Amino acid sequence: MDQTTTRYFLTYNSVKLPLKLVNEITETELNHRNFYYRGIFADTGQLLHCQKIVYGEVESEHHYRYGDNGVLVWAQISEDDEVREIEM
């Protein structure tokens, strides 16, 4: 099974998928934040899963799947009780 790493960020700066999470913070710094992004990354560095956490609750999330060439081929976006799937 592939290894994954969970990392935390303050925001993102991308309009394209997958989101590009920026301004990384440590797990210790989460106690001082009202919201943050939790990213789960493959050992290849690709973002697999992203959640926006607001006051301890998941407000929105993205799931990503990549092709053998490393290019994003599928995304699922859950936000405001709506789930959308996008095939690239």
PDB file of N, CA and C in Angstrom:
ATOM      1  N   MET A   1       0.849  -1.188   0.000  1.00  0.00           N
ATOM      2  CA  MET A   1       0.000   0.000   0.000  1.00  0.00           C
ATOM      3  C   MET A   1       0.886   1.240   0.000  1.00  0.00           C
ATOM      4  N   ASP A   2       0.457   2.263  -0.735  1.00  0.00           N
ATOM      5  CA  ASP A   2       1.211   3.504  -0.801  1.00  0.00           C
ATOM      6  C   ASP A   2       1.133   4.251   0.524  1.00  0.00           C
ATOM      7  N   GLN A   3       2.193   4.953   0.850  1.00  0.00           N
ATOM      8  CA  GLN A   3       2.244   5.762   2.054  1.00  0.00           C
ATOM      9  C   GLN A   3       1.594   7.114   1.786  1.00  0.00           C
ATOM     10  N   THR A   4       0.956   7.674   2.784  1.00  0.00           N
ATOM     11  CA  THR A   4       0.393   9.014   2.671  1.00  0.00           C
ATOM     12  C   THR A   4       0.895   9.854   3.837  1.00  0.00           C
ATOM     13  N   THR A   5       0.840  11.162   3.642  1.00  0.00           N
ATOM     14  CA  THR A   5       1.246  12.114   4.659  1.00  0.00           C
ATOM     15  C   THR A   5       0.139  13.154   4.806  1.00  0.00           C
ATOM     16  N   THR A   6      -0.199  13.496   6.044  1.00  0.00           N
ATOM     17  CA  THR A   6      -1.185  14.538   6.306  1.00  0.00           C
ATOM     18  C   THR A   6      -0.443  15.814   6.677  1.00  0.00           C
ATOM     19  N   ARG A   7      -0.808  16.900   6.007  1.00  0.00           N
ATOM     20  CA  ARG A   7      -0.202  18.211   6.260  1.00  0.00           C
ATOM     21  C   ARG A   7      -1.308  19.247   6.364  1.00  0.00           C
ATOM     22  N   TYR A   8      -1.003  20.393   6.969  1.00  0.00           N
ATOM     23  CA  TYR A   8      -1.999  21.420   7.257  1.00  0.00           C
ATOM     24  C   TYR A   8      -1.578  22.756   6.656  1.00  0.00           C
ATOM     25  N   PHE A   9      -2.577  23.510   6.168  1.00  0.00           N
ATOM     26  CA  PHE A   9      -2.307  24.745   5.443  1.00  0.00           C
ATOM     27  C   PHE A   9      -3.332  25.815   5.810  1.00  0.00           C
ATOM     28  N   LEU A  10      -2.964  27.073   5.582  1.00  0.00           N
ATOM     29  CA  LEU A  10      -3.868  28.185   5.859  1.00  0.00           C
ATOM     30  C   LEU A  10      -4.802  28.501   4.698  1.00  0.00           C
ATOM     31  N   THR A  11      -4.356  28.236   3.459  1.00  0.00           N
ATOM     32  CA  THR A  11      -5.170  28.612   2.309  1.00  0.00           C
ATOM     33  C   THR A  11      -4.710  27.853   1.065  1.00  0.00           C
ATOM     34  N   TYR A  12      -5.264  28.221  -0.067  1.00  0.00           N
ATOM     35  CA  TYR A  12      -4.830  27.694  -1.362  1.00  0.00           C
ATOM     36  C   TYR A  12      -4.761  28.855  -2.339  1.00  0.00           C
ATOM     37  N   ASN A  13      -4.034  28.670  -3.453  1.00  0.00           N
ATOM     38  CA  ASN A  13      -3.918  29.768  -4.428  1.00  0.00           C
ATOM     39  C   ASN A  13      -4.065  29.273  -5.856  1.00  0.00           C
ATOM     40  N   SER A  14      -5.081  28.478  -6.084  1.00  0.00           N
ATOM     41  CA  SER A  14      -5.278  27.895  -7.399  1.00  0.00           C
ATOM     42  C   SER A  14      -6.750  27.970  -7.787  1.00  0.00           C
ATOM     43  N   VAL A  15      -7.019  28.234  -9.045  1.00  0.00           N
ATOM     44  CA  VAL A  15      -8.387  28.153  -9.530  1.00  0.00           C
ATOM     45  C   VAL A  15      -8.619  26.834 -10.268  1.00  0.00           C
ATOM     46  N   LYS A  16      -7.537  26.149 -10.587  1.00  0.00           N
ATOM     47  CA  LYS A  16      -7.612  24.850 -11.249  1.00  0.00           C
ATOM     48  C   LYS A  16      -7.553  23.741 -10.211  1.00  0.00           C
ATOM     49  N   LEU A  17      -8.004  22.575 -10.617  1.00  0.00           N
ATOM     50  CA  LEU A  17      -7.882  21.386  -9.778  1.00  0.00           C
ATOM     51  C   LEU A  17      -6.618  20.634 -10.179  1.00  0.00           C
ATOM     52  N   PRO A  18      -5.944  20.001  -9.256  1.00  0.00           N
ATOM     53  CA  PRO A  18      -6.209  19.992  -7.827  1.00  0.00           C
ATOM     54  C   PRO A  18      -5.817  21.318  -7.185  1.00  0.00           C
ATOM     55  N   LEU A  19      -6.432  21.615  -6.051  1.00  0.00           N
ATOM     56  CA  LEU A  19      -6.088  22.831  -5.332  1.00  0.00           C
ATOM     57  C   LEU A  19      -4.603  22.817  -4.976  1.00  0.00           C
ATOM     58  N   LYS A  20      -3.989  23.976  -4.968  1.00  0.00           N
ATOM     59  CA  LYS A  20      -2.602  24.101  -4.545  1.00  0.00           C
ATOM     60  C   LYS A  20      -2.603  24.722  -3.154  1.00  0.00           C
ATOM     61  N   LEU A  21      -2.410  23.886  -2.130  1.00  0.00           N
ATOM     62  CA  LEU A  21      -2.429  24.355  -0.752  1.00  0.00           C
ATOM     63  C   LEU A  21      -1.129  25.093  -0.440  1.00  0.00           C
ATOM     64  N   VAL A  22      -1.249  26.226   0.259  1.00  0.00           N
ATOM     65  CA  VAL A  22      -0.079  27.057   0.568  1.00  0.00           C
ATOM     66  C   VAL A  22      -0.111  27.513   2.027  1.00  0.00           C
ATOM     67  N   ASN A  23       0.987  28.067   2.467  1.00  0.00           N
ATOM     68  CA  ASN A  23       1.168  28.550   3.841  1.00  0.00           C
ATOM     69  C   ASN A  23       0.989  27.408   4.842  1.00  0.00           C
ATOM     70  N   GLU A  24       1.905  26.443   4.767  1.00  0.00           N
ATOM     71  CA  GLU A  24       1.828  25.278   5.632  1.00  0.00           C
ATOM     72  C   GLU A  24       2.030  25.667   7.091  1.00  0.00           C
ATOM     73  N   ILE A  25       1.287  24.998   7.970  1.00  0.00           N
ATOM     74  CA  ILE A  25       1.422  25.190   9.407  1.00  0.00           C
ATOM     75  C   ILE A  25       1.624  23.829  10.057  1.00  0.00           C
ATOM     76  N   THR A  26       2.078  23.830  11.298  1.00  0.00           N
ATOM     77  CA  THR A  26       2.292  22.575  12.018  1.00  0.00           C
ATOM     78  C   THR A  26       1.005  22.141  12.700  1.00  0.00           C
ATOM     79  N   GLU A  27       0.957  20.896  13.097  1.00  0.00           N
ATOM     80  CA  GLU A  27      -0.215  20.371  13.799  1.00  0.00           C
ATOM     81  C   GLU A  27      -0.427  21.124  15.119  1.00  0.00           C
ATOM     82  N   THR A  28       0.643  21.525  15.759  1.00  0.00           N
ATOM     83  CA  THR A  28       0.558  22.292  17.000  1.00  0.00           C
ATOM     84  C   THR A  28      -0.145  23.628  16.790  1.00  0.00           C
ATOM     85  N   GLU A  29       0.059  24.250  15.657  1.00  0.00           N
ATOM     86  CA  GLU A  29      -0.545  25.554  15.360  1.00  0.00           C
ATOM     87  C   GLU A  29      -2.052  25.475  15.098  1.00  0.00           C
ATOM     88  N   LEU A  30      -2.593  24.283  14.938  1.00  0.00           N
ATOM     89  CA  LEU A  30      -4.029  24.130  14.663  1.00  0.00           C
ATOM     90  C   LEU A  30      -4.885  24.635  15.824  1.00  0.00           C
ATOM     91  N   ASN A  31      -4.371  24.562  17.031  1.00  0.00           N
ATOM     92  CA  ASN A  31      -5.130  25.005  18.207  1.00  0.00           C
ATOM     93  C   ASN A  31      -5.443  26.492  18.165  1.00  0.00           C
ATOM     94  N   HIS A  32      -4.717  27.242  17.387  1.00  0.00           N
ATOM     95  CA  HIS A  32      -4.892  28.688  17.320  1.00  0.00           C
ATOM     96  C   HIS A  32      -5.626  29.132  16.054  1.00  0.00           C
ATOM     97  N   ARG A  33      -6.258  28.210  15.345  1.00  0.00           N
ATOM     98  CA  ARG A  33      -6.901  28.526  14.065  1.00  0.00           C
ATOM     99  C   ARG A  33      -8.397  28.227  14.132  1.00  0.00           C
ATOM    100  N   ASN A  34      -9.211  29.107  13.557  1.00  0.00           N
ATOM    101  CA  ASN A  34     -10.642  28.839  13.418  1.00  0.00           C
ATOM    102  C   ASN A  34     -10.910  27.966  12.205  1.00  0.00           C
ATOM    103  N   PHE A  35     -10.061  28.106  11.191  1.00  0.00           N
ATOM    104  CA  PHE A  35     -10.185  27.242  10.018  1.00  0.00           C
ATOM    105  C   PHE A  35      -8.809  26.978   9.430  1.00  0.00           C
ATOM    106  N   TYR A  36      -8.726  25.878   8.710  1.00  0.00           N
ATOM    107  CA  TYR A  36      -7.492  25.484   8.033  1.00  0.00           C
ATOM    108  C   TYR A  36      -7.844  24.408   7.010  1.00  0.00           C
ATOM    109  N   TYR A  37      -6.876  24.068   6.203  1.00  0.00           N
ATOM    110  CA  TYR A  37      -7.031  23.001   5.216  1.00  0.00           C
ATOM    111  C   TYR A  37      -6.162  21.830   5.617  1.00  0.00           C
ATOM    112  N   ARG A  38      -6.739  20.635   5.570  1.00  0.00           N
ATOM    113  CA  ARG A  38      -5.994  19.399   5.839  1.00  0.00           C
ATOM    114  C   ARG A  38      -5.817  18.690   4.509  1.00  0.00           C
ATOM    115  N   GLY A  39      -4.582  18.452   4.133  1.00  0.00           N
ATOM    116  CA  GLY A  39      -4.283  17.773   2.885  1.00  0.00           C
ATOM    117  C   GLY A  39      -3.640  16.424   3.140  1.00  0.00           C
ATOM    118  N   ILE A  40      -4.103  15.429   2.416  1.00  0.00           N
ATOM    119  CA  ILE A  40      -3.487  14.100   2.473  1.00  0.00           C
ATOM    120  C   ILE A  40      -2.790  13.882   1.143  1.00  0.00           C
ATOM    121  N   PHE A  41      -1.492  13.666   1.229  1.00  0.00           N
ATOM    122  CA  PHE A  41      -0.638  13.579   0.053  1.00  0.00           C
ATOM    123  C   PHE A  41      -0.089  12.166  -0.118  1.00  0.00           C
ATOM    124  N   ALA A  42       0.001  11.733  -1.373  1.00  0.00           N
ATOM    125  CA  ALA A  42       0.656  10.466  -1.703  1.00  0.00           C
ATOM    126  C   ALA A  42       2.160  10.644  -1.530  1.00  0.00           C
ATOM    127  N   ASP A  43       2.874   9.540  -1.465  1.00  0.00           N
ATOM    128  CA  ASP A  43       4.335   9.624  -1.350  1.00  0.00           C
ATOM    129  C   ASP A  43       4.967  10.259  -2.586  1.00  0.00           C
ATOM    130  N   THR A  44       4.205  10.390  -3.656  1.00  0.00           N
ATOM    131  CA  THR A  44       4.679  11.057  -4.873  1.00  0.00           C
ATOM    132  C   THR A  44       4.520  12.578  -4.784  1.00  0.00           C
ATOM    133  N   GLY A  45       3.843  13.057  -3.714  1.00  0.00           N
ATOM    134  CA  GLY A  45       3.605  14.482  -3.542  1.00  0.00           C
ATOM    135  C   GLY A  45       2.264  14.949  -4.066  1.00  0.00           C
ATOM    136  N   GLN A  46       1.514  14.076  -4.698  1.00  0.00           N
ATOM    137  CA  GLN A  46       0.206  14.451  -5.239  1.00  0.00           C
ATOM    138  C   GLN A  46      -0.823  14.573  -4.120  1.00  0.00           C
ATOM    139  N   LEU A  47      -1.649  15.612  -4.198  1.00  0.00           N
ATOM    140  CA  LEU A  47      -2.730  15.803  -3.247  1.00  0.00           C
ATOM    141  C   LEU A  47      -3.847  14.818  -3.575  1.00  0.00           C
ATOM    142  N   LEU A  48      -4.192  13.959  -2.623  1.00  0.00           N
ATOM    143  CA  LEU A  48      -5.226  12.949  -2.822  1.00  0.00           C
ATOM    144  C   LEU A  48      -6.573  13.379  -2.249  1.00  0.00           C
ATOM    145  N   HIS A  49      -6.518  14.078  -1.124  1.00  0.00           N
ATOM    146  CA  HIS A  49      -7.732  14.425  -0.396  1.00  0.00           C
ATOM    147  C   HIS A  49      -7.486  15.750   0.315  1.00  0.00           C
ATOM    148  N   CYS A  50      -8.453  16.636   0.261  1.00  0.00           N
ATOM    149  CA  CYS A  50      -8.325  17.945   0.883  1.00  0.00           C
ATOM    150  C   CYS A  50      -9.617  18.269   1.609  1.00  0.00           C
ATOM    151  N   GLN A  51      -9.502  18.728   2.854  1.00  0.00           N
ATOM    152  CA  GLN A  51     -10.673  19.129   3.622  1.00  0.00           C
ATOM    153  C   GLN A  51     -10.489  20.545   4.145  1.00  0.00           C
ATOM    154  N   LYS A  52     -11.542  21.342   4.071  1.00  0.00           N
ATOM    155  CA  LYS A  52     -11.549  22.640   4.725  1.00  0.00           C
ATOM    156  C   LYS A  52     -12.229  22.427   6.071  1.00  0.00           C
ATOM    157  N   ILE A  53     -11.488  22.687   7.150  1.00  0.00           N
ATOM    158  CA  ILE A  53     -11.981  22.489   8.502  1.00  0.00           C
ATOM    159  C   ILE A  53     -12.308  23.860   9.091  1.00  0.00           C
ATOM    160  N   VAL A  54     -13.545  24.041   9.542  1.00  0.00           N
ATOM    161  CA  VAL A  54     -13.986  25.297  10.142  1.00  0.00           C
ATOM    162  C   VAL A  54     -14.575  24.975  11.519  1.00  0.00           C
ATOM    163  N   TYR A  55     -13.987  25.548  12.555  1.00  0.00           N
ATOM    164  CA  TYR A  55     -14.411  25.294  13.937  1.00  0.00           C
ATOM    165  C   TYR A  55     -14.534  23.795  14.216  1.00  0.00           C
ATOM    166  N   GLY A  56     -13.558  23.027  13.735  1.00  0.00           N
ATOM    167  CA  GLY A  56     -13.501  21.599  14.002  1.00  0.00           C
ATOM    168  C   GLY A  56     -14.388  20.729  13.139  1.00  0.00           C
ATOM    169  N   GLU A  57     -15.169  21.319  12.247  1.00  0.00           N
ATOM    170  CA  GLU A  57     -16.073  20.567  11.374  1.00  0.00           C
ATOM    171  C   GLU A  57     -15.596  20.631   9.927  1.00  0.00           C
ATOM    172  N   VAL A  58     -15.804  19.549   9.177  1.00  0.00           N
ATOM    173  CA  VAL A  58     -15.457  19.539   7.758  1.00  0.00           C
ATOM    174  C   VAL A  58     -16.519  20.342   7.007  1.00  0.00           C
ATOM    175  N   GLU A  59     -16.096  21.450   6.379  1.00  0.00           N
ATOM    176  CA  GLU A  59     -17.025  22.299   5.635  1.00  0.00           C
ATOM    177  C   GLU A  59     -17.096  21.904   4.163  1.00  0.00           C
ATOM    178  N   SER A  60     -15.968  21.507   3.622  1.00  0.00           N
ATOM    179  CA  SER A  60     -15.940  21.048   2.230  1.00  0.00           C
ATOM    180  C   SER A  60     -14.764  20.094   2.069  1.00  0.00           C
ATOM    181  N   GLU A  61     -14.823  19.278   1.016  1.00  0.00           N
ATOM    182  CA  GLU A  61     -13.704  18.370   0.767  1.00  0.00           C
ATOM    183  C   GLU A  61     -13.608  18.006  -0.701  1.00  0.00           C
ATOM    184  N   HIS A  62     -12.389  17.699  -1.089  1.00  0.00           N
ATOM    185  CA  HIS A  62     -12.075  17.279  -2.450  1.00  0.00           C
ATOM    186  C   HIS A  62     -11.369  15.930  -2.374  1.00  0.00           C
ATOM    187  N   HIS A  63     -11.701  15.041  -3.306  1.00  0.00           N
ATOM    188  CA  HIS A  63     -10.989  13.775  -3.498  1.00  0.00           C
ATOM    189  C   HIS A  63     -10.461  13.792  -4.932  1.00  0.00           C
ATOM    190  N   TYR A  64      -9.232  13.361  -5.107  1.00  0.00           N
ATOM    191  CA  TYR A  64      -8.617  13.379  -6.437  1.00  0.00           C
ATOM    192  C   TYR A  64      -8.085  12.002  -6.818  1.00  0.00           C
ATOM    193  N   ARG A  65      -8.159  11.706  -8.115  1.00  0.00           N
ATOM    194  CA  ARG A  65      -7.571  10.481  -8.666  1.00  0.00           C
ATOM    195  C   ARG A  65      -6.738  10.877  -9.883  1.00  0.00           C
ATOM    196  N   TYR A  66      -5.570  10.259 -10.014  1.00  0.00           N
ATOM    197  CA  TYR A  66      -4.621  10.589 -11.073  1.00  0.00           C
ATOM    198  C   TYR A  66      -4.410   9.382 -11.977  1.00  0.00           C
ATOM    199  N   GLY A  67      -4.109   9.659 -13.242  1.00  0.00           N
ATOM    200  CA  GLY A  67      -3.795   8.604 -14.194  1.00  0.00           C
ATOM    201  C   GLY A  67      -2.366   8.120 -14.005  1.00  0.00           C
ATOM    202  N   ASP A  68      -2.003   7.085 -14.755  1.00  0.00           N
ATOM    203  CA  ASP A  68      -0.652   6.521 -14.668  1.00  0.00           C
ATOM    204  C   ASP A  68       0.426   7.547 -14.997  1.00  0.00           C
ATOM    205  N   ASN A  69       0.077   8.555 -15.788  1.00  0.00           N
ATOM    206  CA  ASN A  69       1.042   9.590 -16.174  1.00  0.00           C
ATOM    207  C   ASN A  69       1.125  10.717 -15.141  1.00  0.00           C
ATOM    208  N   GLY A  70       0.373  10.595 -14.017  1.00  0.00           N
ATOM    209  CA  GLY A  70       0.420  11.594 -12.960  1.00  0.00           C
ATOM    210  C   GLY A  70      -0.501  12.776 -13.157  1.00  0.00           C
ATOM    211  N   VAL A  71      -1.308  12.760 -14.220  1.00  0.00           N
ATOM    212  CA  VAL A  71      -2.226  13.860 -14.514  1.00  0.00           C
ATOM    213  C   VAL A  71      -3.575  13.574 -13.849  1.00  0.00           C
ATOM    214  N   LEU A  72      -4.182  14.600 -13.292  1.00  0.00           N
ATOM    215  CA  LEU A  72      -5.482  14.467 -12.645  1.00  0.00           C
ATOM    216  C   LEU A  72      -6.519  13.992 -13.659  1.00  0.00           C
ATOM    217  N   VAL A  73      -7.272  12.934 -13.314  1.00  0.00           N
ATOM    218  CA  VAL A  73      -8.291  12.402 -14.222  1.00  0.00           C
ATOM    219  C   VAL A  73      -9.696  12.466 -13.636  1.00  0.00           C
ATOM    220  N   TRP A  74      -9.813  12.643 -12.317  1.00  0.00           N
ATOM    221  CA  TRP A  74     -11.118  12.632 -11.680  1.00  0.00           C
ATOM    222  C   TRP A  74     -11.057  13.422 -10.384  1.00  0.00           C
ATOM    223  N   ALA A  75     -12.146  14.132 -10.084  1.00  0.00           N
ATOM    224  CA  ALA A  75     -12.258  14.858  -8.820  1.00  0.00           C
ATOM    225  C   ALA A  75     -13.686  14.748  -8.317  1.00  0.00           C
ATOM    226  N   GLN A  76     -13.807  14.650  -7.015  1.00  0.00           N
ATOM    227  CA  GLN A  76     -15.112  14.694  -6.362  1.00  0.00           C
ATOM    228  C   GLN A  76     -15.061  15.838  -5.358  1.00  0.00           C
ATOM    229  N   ILE A  77     -16.019  16.756  -5.450  1.00  0.00           N
ATOM    230  CA  ILE A  77     -16.052  17.931  -4.596  1.00  0.00           C
ATOM    231  C   ILE A  77     -17.350  17.910  -3.806  1.00  0.00           C
ATOM    232  N   SER A  78     -17.229  17.946  -2.485  1.00  0.00           N
ATOM    233  CA  SER A  78     -18.384  17.972  -1.592  1.00  0.00           C
ATOM    234  C   SER A  78     -18.398  19.314  -0.877  1.00  0.00           C
ATOM    235  N   GLU A  79     -19.521  20.039  -1.021  1.00  0.00           N
ATOM    236  CA  GLU A  79     -19.638  21.353  -0.407  1.00  0.00           C
ATOM    237  C   GLU A  79     -21.118  21.687  -0.259  1.00  0.00           C
ATOM    238  N   ASP A  80     -21.489  22.183   0.908  1.00  0.00           N
ATOM    239  CA  ASP A  80     -22.885  22.578   1.158  1.00  0.00           C
ATOM    240  C   ASP A  80     -23.869  21.458   0.820  1.00  0.00           C
ATOM    241  N   ASP A  81     -23.589  20.252   1.286  1.00  0.00           N
ATOM    242  CA  ASP A  81     -24.449  19.085   1.065  1.00  0.00           C
ATOM    243  C   ASP A  81     -24.636  18.736  -0.406  1.00  0.00           C
ATOM    244  N   GLU A  82     -23.763  19.233  -1.266  1.00  0.00           N
ATOM    245  CA  GLU A  82     -23.793  18.921  -2.685  1.00  0.00           C
ATOM    246  C   GLU A  82     -22.503  18.200  -3.051  1.00  0.00           C
ATOM    247  N   VAL A  83     -22.630  17.129  -3.809  1.00  0.00           N
ATOM    248  CA  VAL A  83     -21.460  16.364  -4.246  1.00  0.00           C
ATOM    249  C   VAL A  83     -21.411  16.404  -5.773  1.00  0.00           C
ATOM    250  N   ARG A  84     -20.268  16.854  -6.305  1.00  0.00           N
ATOM    251  CA  ARG A  84     -20.074  16.902  -7.758  1.00  0.00           C
ATOM    252  C   ARG A  84     -18.871  16.042  -8.124  1.00  0.00           C
ATOM    253  N   GLU A  85     -19.001  15.311  -9.207  1.00  0.00           N
ATOM    254  CA  GLU A  85     -17.889  14.540  -9.747  1.00  0.00           C
ATOM    255  C   GLU A  85     -17.491  15.153 -11.081  1.00  0.00           C
ATOM    256  N   ILE A  86     -16.178  15.281 -11.283  1.00  0.00           N
ATOM    257  CA  ILE A  86     -15.661  15.875 -12.503  1.00  0.00           C
ATOM    258  C   ILE A  86     -14.672  14.904 -13.124  1.00  0.00           C
ATOM    259  N   GLU A  87     -14.899  14.542 -14.366  1.00  0.00           N
ATOM    260  CA  GLU A  87     -13.946  13.718 -15.136  1.00  0.00           C
ATOM    261  C   GLU A  87     -13.135  14.661 -16.012  1.00  0.00           C
ATOM    262  N   MET A  88     -11.849  14.527 -15.986  1.00  0.00           N
ATOM    263  CA  MET A  88     -10.981  15.424 -16.759  1.00  0.00           C
ATOM    264  C   MET A  88     -10.757  14.878 -18.163  1.00  0.00           C
TER     265      MET A  88
END
